[in-house]
Amino acid sequence: MDMIKHWMFWLSLGVILSAAGCAGFGSLQVECAYNCGYEVQAILDDFEDYHVYYSGQDPDLSAAILFDPRNDARRIQPGRWKKVVDKDLARDIIRVLEADPQFQPKFMRVLGAKDQVYGYLYTPYRHVPVKQQDPGVIKIYNLRQPAHLQYDNGGSEVQNIQGFER
């Protein structure tokens, strides 16, 4: 009887782990770490071929910009990210991201299961939460405004964001 309980435990554990494996984590792969103007310009040249989103309080205080190809079977679920419909606005967001030489943005591929490319992310953040929701669907969680850009309405104290590493 103990042997049956032992096998049932391991069988149940195997089923649970294999079911949990379907909703794993996605990943990011750095394509360009410094001076990524060429890569970013190539994406902007094909702006109409992408769903574009930014994360942050507003475009002038953005934390990242995300490019999700329109014509593929995969999609990125951007959560609370805001849609960018104007190429000039996307260019302005990129300019804001590149403005601080201390926090240079990186151009990264958003990868899902089997290293399939779901899109591209441009951000100075080193750690971005990415999760494989379902087959063909990646979720990228909202990023807060960079700490060095946060300020009180005219106050002198800078607010600190805990839990987000740049």
C-alpha atoms as a PDB file:
ATOM      1  CA  MET A   1       0.000   0.000   0.000  1.00  0.00           C
ATOM      2  CA  ASP A   2       2.869   2.390   0.761  1.00  0.00           C
ATOM      3  CA  MET A   3       4.316   1.679  -2.672  1.00  0.00           C
ATOM      4  CA  ILE A   4       1.045   2.734  -4.355  1.00  0.00           C
ATOM      5  CA  LYS A   5       0.943   5.991  -2.354  1.00  0.00           C
ATOM      6  CA  HIS A   6       4.565   6.635  -3.262  1.00  0.00           C
ATOM      7  CA  TRP A   7       3.884   6.182  -7.006  1.00  0.00           C
ATOM      8  CA  MET A   8       0.697   8.255  -6.841  1.00  0.00           C
ATOM      9  CA  PHE A   9       2.624  11.096  -5.215  1.00  0.00           C
ATOM     10  CA  TRP A  10       5.297  11.108  -7.926  1.00  0.00           C
ATOM     11  CA  LEU A  11       2.742  10.771 -10.710  1.00  0.00           C
ATOM     12  CA  SER A  12       0.718  13.688  -9.315  1.00  0.00           C
ATOM     13  CA  LEU A  13       3.840  15.795  -8.954  1.00  0.00           C
ATOM     14  CA  GLY A  14       4.821  15.038 -12.556  1.00  0.00           C
ATOM     15  CA  VAL A  15       1.386  16.072 -13.859  1.00  0.00           C
ATOM     16  CA  ILE A  16       1.458  19.313 -11.857  1.00  0.00           C
ATOM     17  CA  LEU A  17       4.972  20.230 -13.016  1.00  0.00           C
ATOM     18  CA  SER A  18       4.253  19.474 -16.664  1.00  0.00           C
ATOM     19  CA  ALA A  19       1.061  21.576 -16.523  1.00  0.00           C
ATOM     20  CA  ALA A  20       2.960  24.434 -14.896  1.00  0.00           C
ATOM     21  CA  GLY A  21       5.605  24.223 -17.616  1.00  0.00           C
ATOM     22  CA  CYS A  22       3.091  25.448 -20.205  1.00  0.00           C
ATOM     23  CA  ALA A  23       2.926  28.854 -18.549  1.00  0.00           C
ATOM     24  CA  GLY A  24       6.610  29.540 -17.989  1.00  0.00           C
ATOM     25  CA  PHE A  25       8.667  32.652 -18.315  1.00  0.00           C
ATOM     26  CA  GLY A  26       9.651  34.369 -21.495  1.00  0.00           C
ATOM     27  CA  SER A  27      13.006  36.031 -21.784  1.00  0.00           C
ATOM     28  CA  LEU A  28      14.846  38.965 -23.242  1.00  0.00           C
ATOM     29  CA  GLN A  29      17.979  38.713 -25.345  1.00  0.00           C
ATOM     30  CA  VAL A  30      20.130  41.794 -25.787  1.00  0.00           C
ATOM     31  CA  GLU A  31      20.651  42.462 -29.473  1.00  0.00           C
ATOM     32  CA  CYS A  32      22.452  45.769 -28.977  1.00  0.00           C
ATOM     33  CA  ALA A  33      23.807  47.145 -25.707  1.00  0.00           C
ATOM     34  CA  TYR A  34      25.287  50.524 -26.751  1.00  0.00           C
ATOM     35  CA  ASN A  35      24.720  52.988 -29.584  1.00  0.00           C
ATOM     36  CA  CYS A  36      21.682  51.155 -30.942  1.00  0.00           C
ATOM     37  CA  GLY A  37      20.646  53.881 -33.372  1.00  0.00           C
ATOM     38  CA  TYR A  38      20.830  51.609 -36.415  1.00  0.00           C
ATOM     39  CA  GLU A  39      18.576  48.903 -34.909  1.00  0.00           C
ATOM     40  CA  VAL A  40      16.053  51.410 -33.588  1.00  0.00           C
ATOM     41  CA  GLN A  41      15.953  53.321 -36.885  1.00  0.00           C
ATOM     42  CA  ALA A  42      15.320  50.091 -38.799  1.00  0.00           C
ATOM     43  CA  ILE A  43      12.260  49.414 -36.615  1.00  0.00           C
ATOM     44  CA  LEU A  44      11.035  53.012 -36.969  1.00  0.00           C
ATOM     45  CA  ASP A  45      11.374  52.807 -40.758  1.00  0.00           C
ATOM     46  CA  ASP A  46       8.858  49.936 -40.653  1.00  0.00           C
ATOM     47  CA  PHE A  47       6.651  51.535 -37.976  1.00  0.00           C
ATOM     48  CA  GLU A  48       3.399  50.505 -39.717  1.00  0.00           C
ATOM     49  CA  ASP A  49       4.408  46.831 -39.444  1.00  0.00           C
ATOM     50  CA  TYR A  50       4.306  46.910 -35.627  1.00  0.00           C
ATOM     51  CA  HIS A  51       1.928  47.408 -32.743  1.00  0.00           C
ATOM     52  CA  VAL A  52       3.895  49.927 -30.656  1.00  0.00           C
ATOM     53  CA  TYR A  53       3.476  50.620 -26.920  1.00  0.00           C
ATOM     54  CA  TYR A  54       5.298  52.576 -24.253  1.00  0.00           C
ATOM     55  CA  SER A  55       5.477  52.069 -20.519  1.00  0.00           C
ATOM     56  CA  GLY A  56       5.594  54.938 -18.069  1.00  0.00           C
ATOM     57  CA  GLN A  57       3.547  57.801 -16.739  1.00  0.00           C
ATOM     58  CA  ASP A  58       3.502  59.669 -20.052  1.00  0.00           C
ATOM     59  CA  PRO A  59       5.674  59.844 -23.185  1.00  0.00           C
ATOM     60  CA  ASP A  60       8.003  62.428 -21.615  1.00  0.00           C
ATOM     61  CA  LEU A  61       8.644  60.101 -18.670  1.00  0.00           C
ATOM     62  CA  SER A  62       8.676  56.760 -20.460  1.00  0.00           C
ATOM     63  CA  ALA A  63      10.505  53.689 -19.181  1.00  0.00           C
ATOM     64  CA  ALA A  64      10.464  51.584 -22.365  1.00  0.00           C
ATOM     65  CA  ILE A  65       9.074  51.232 -25.861  1.00  0.00           C
ATOM     66  CA  LEU A  66       7.818  47.906 -27.209  1.00  0.00           C
ATOM     67  CA  PHE A  67       7.449  46.757 -30.826  1.00  0.00           C
ATOM     68  CA  ASP A  68       5.141  43.800 -31.538  1.00  0.00           C
ATOM     69  CA  PRO A  69       5.103  42.644 -35.207  1.00  0.00           C
ATOM     70  CA  ARG A  70       1.579  42.845 -36.666  1.00  0.00           C
ATOM     71  CA  ASN A  71       1.795  40.017 -39.185  1.00  0.00           C
ATOM     72  CA  ASP A  72       2.786  37.012 -37.133  1.00  0.00           C
ATOM     73  CA  ALA A  73       0.861  34.381 -35.207  1.00  0.00           C
ATOM     74  CA  ARG A  74       2.495  35.436 -31.934  1.00  0.00           C
ATOM     75  CA  ARG A  75       1.362  38.387 -29.858  1.00  0.00           C
ATOM     76  CA  ILE A  76       2.534  40.391 -26.901  1.00  0.00           C
ATOM     77  CA  GLN A  77       0.044  41.262 -24.200  1.00  0.00           C
ATOM     78  CA  PRO A  78       1.322  44.624 -22.940  1.00  0.00           C
ATOM     79  CA  GLY A  79      -0.931  44.960 -19.888  1.00  0.00           C
ATOM     80  CA  ARG A  80      -1.067  48.624 -18.820  1.00  0.00           C
ATOM     81  CA  TRP A  81       1.298  49.851 -21.521  1.00  0.00           C
ATOM     82  CA  LYS A  82      -0.040  52.681 -23.691  1.00  0.00           C
ATOM     83  CA  LYS A  83      -0.474  52.395 -27.463  1.00  0.00           C
ATOM     84  CA  VAL A  84       1.634  54.572 -29.759  1.00  0.00           C
ATOM     85  CA  VAL A  85      -0.090  55.310 -33.065  1.00  0.00           C
ATOM     86  CA  ASP A  86       2.162  58.097 -34.319  1.00  0.00           C
ATOM     87  CA  LYS A  87       5.686  57.523 -35.626  1.00  0.00           C
ATOM     88  CA  ASP A  88       6.774  60.975 -34.418  1.00  0.00           C
ATOM     89  CA  LEU A  89       5.611  60.145 -30.890  1.00  0.00           C
ATOM     90  CA  ALA A  90       7.622  56.900 -31.026  1.00  0.00           C
ATOM     91  CA  ARG A  91      10.665  58.912 -32.103  1.00  0.00           C
ATOM     92  CA  ASP A  92      10.127  61.317 -29.164  1.00  0.00           C
ATOM     93  CA  ILE A  93       9.863  58.420 -26.701  1.00  0.00           C
ATOM     94  CA  ILE A  94      13.127  56.991 -28.026  1.00  0.00           C
ATOM     95  CA  ARG A  95      14.758  60.409 -27.676  1.00  0.00           C
ATOM     96  CA  VAL A  96      13.624  60.543 -24.029  1.00  0.00           C
ATOM     97  CA  LEU A  97      14.997  57.051 -23.383  1.00  0.00           C
ATOM     98  CA  GLU A  98      18.360  58.045 -24.857  1.00  0.00           C
ATOM     99  CA  ALA A  99      18.574  61.431 -23.104  1.00  0.00           C
ATOM    100  CA  ASP A 100      20.328  60.314 -19.919  1.00  0.00           C
ATOM    101  CA  PRO A 101      23.865  59.087 -20.655  1.00  0.00           C
ATOM    102  CA  GLN A 102      23.979  57.345 -17.275  1.00  0.00           C
ATOM    103  CA  PHE A 103      21.095  55.001 -18.196  1.00  0.00           C
ATOM    104  CA  GLN A 104      21.680  53.894 -21.792  1.00  0.00           C
ATOM    105  CA  PRO A 105      18.812  51.837 -23.241  1.00  0.00           C
ATOM    106  CA  LYS A 106      19.387  48.409 -24.731  1.00  0.00           C
ATOM    107  CA  PHE A 107      17.669  46.990 -27.792  1.00  0.00           C
ATOM    108  CA  MET A 108      16.373  43.512 -26.921  1.00  0.00           C
ATOM    109  CA  ARG A 109      14.448  40.690 -28.510  1.00  0.00           C
ATOM    110  CA  VAL A 110      11.399  39.446 -26.584  1.00  0.00           C
ATOM    111  CA  LEU A 111      11.591  35.654 -26.682  1.00  0.00           C
ATOM    112  CA  GLY A 112       9.031  33.010 -25.855  1.00  0.00           C
ATOM    113  CA  ALA A 113       9.071  29.238 -25.872  1.00  0.00           C
ATOM    114  CA  LYS A 114      11.731  27.679 -28.092  1.00  0.00           C
ATOM    115  CA  ASP A 115      13.358  31.124 -28.414  1.00  0.00           C
ATOM    116  CA  GLN A 116      10.739  32.382 -30.858  1.00  0.00           C
ATOM    117  CA  VAL A 117      10.935  36.156 -31.351  1.00  0.00           C
ATOM    118  CA  TYR A 118       7.728  37.883 -30.229  1.00  0.00           C
ATOM    119  CA  GLY A 119       8.922  41.457 -30.635  1.00  0.00           C
ATOM    120  CA  TYR A 120      11.491  44.044 -29.595  1.00  0.00           C
ATOM    121  CA  LEU A 121      11.981  46.138 -26.483  1.00  0.00           C
ATOM    122  CA  TYR A 122      14.083  49.269 -26.035  1.00  0.00           C
ATOM    123  CA  THR A 123      14.697  50.198 -22.408  1.00  0.00           C
ATOM    124  CA  PRO A 124      17.437  51.064 -19.912  1.00  0.00           C
ATOM    125  CA  TYR A 125      16.002  48.521 -17.433  1.00  0.00           C
ATOM    126  CA  ARG A 126      18.032  45.360 -16.955  1.00  0.00           C
ATOM    127  CA  HIS A 127      15.231  43.262 -15.487  1.00  0.00           C
ATOM    128  CA  VAL A 128      11.846  43.258 -17.203  1.00  0.00           C
ATOM    129  CA  PRO A 129       9.170  40.755 -16.128  1.00  0.00           C
ATOM    130  CA  VAL A 130       8.179  38.620 -19.140  1.00  0.00           C
ATOM    131  CA  LYS A 131       5.825  35.643 -18.861  1.00  0.00           C
ATOM    132  CA  GLN A 132       4.610  33.069 -21.378  1.00  0.00           C
ATOM    133  CA  GLN A 133       0.829  33.299 -20.837  1.00  0.00           C
ATOM    134  CA  ASP A 134      -0.341  30.741 -23.395  1.00  0.00           C
ATOM    135  CA  PRO A 135       1.148  29.224 -26.529  1.00  0.00           C
ATOM    136  CA  GLY A 136       1.697  32.191 -28.831  1.00  0.00           C
ATOM    137  CA  VAL A 137       1.079  34.834 -26.130  1.00  0.00           C
ATOM    138  CA  ILE A 138       3.723  36.650 -24.062  1.00  0.00           C
ATOM    139  CA  LYS A 139       2.900  39.136 -21.307  1.00  0.00           C
ATOM    140  CA  ILE A 140       5.236  42.011 -20.486  1.00  0.00           C
ATOM    141  CA  TYR A 141       4.470  43.681 -17.206  1.00  0.00           C
ATOM    142  CA  ASN A 142       4.295  47.441 -16.828  1.00  0.00           C
ATOM    143  CA  LEU A 143       7.498  49.246 -15.938  1.00  0.00           C
ATOM    144  CA  ARG A 144       7.491  52.195 -13.633  1.00  0.00           C
ATOM    145  CA  GLN A 145       8.913  55.509 -14.572  1.00  0.00           C
ATOM    146  CA  PRO A 146      12.670  55.518 -14.000  1.00  0.00           C
ATOM    147  CA  ALA A 147      13.565  56.633 -10.474  1.00  0.00           C
ATOM    148  CA  HIS A 148      15.919  59.355 -11.676  1.00  0.00           C
ATOM    149  CA  LEU A 149      12.988  61.013 -13.507  1.00  0.00           C
ATOM    150  CA  GLN A 150      10.559  60.955 -10.588  1.00  0.00           C
ATOM    151  CA  TYR A 151       9.957  64.123  -8.710  1.00  0.00           C
ATOM    152  CA  ASP A 152       7.434  65.762  -6.470  1.00  0.00           C
ATOM    153  CA  ASN A 153       5.250  68.450  -8.061  1.00  0.00           C
ATOM    154  CA  GLY A 154       7.847  71.176  -7.688  1.00  0.00           C
ATOM    155  CA  GLY A 155       9.285  69.605  -4.542  1.00  0.00           C
ATOM    156  CA  SER A 156      12.940  68.967  -4.013  1.00  0.00           C
ATOM    157  CA  GLU A 157      12.800  65.333  -2.890  1.00  0.00           C
ATOM    158  CA  VAL A 158      13.186  62.566  -5.440  1.00  0.00           C
ATOM    159  CA  GLN A 159      10.849  59.618  -4.940  1.00  0.00           C
ATOM    160  CA  ASN A 160      12.520  56.237  -4.847  1.00  0.00           C
ATOM    161  CA  ILE A 161      11.063  53.155  -6.497  1.00  0.00           C
ATOM    162  CA  GLN A 162      11.734  50.005  -4.544  1.00  0.00           C
ATOM    163  CA  GLY A 163      11.991  46.632  -6.248  1.00  0.00           C
ATOM    164  CA  PHE A 164      13.004  47.775  -9.717  1.00  0.00           C
ATOM    165  CA  GLU A 165      16.625  47.555 -10.683  1.00  0.00           C
ATOM    166  CA  ARG A 166      17.980  49.482 -13.608  1.00  0.00           C
END
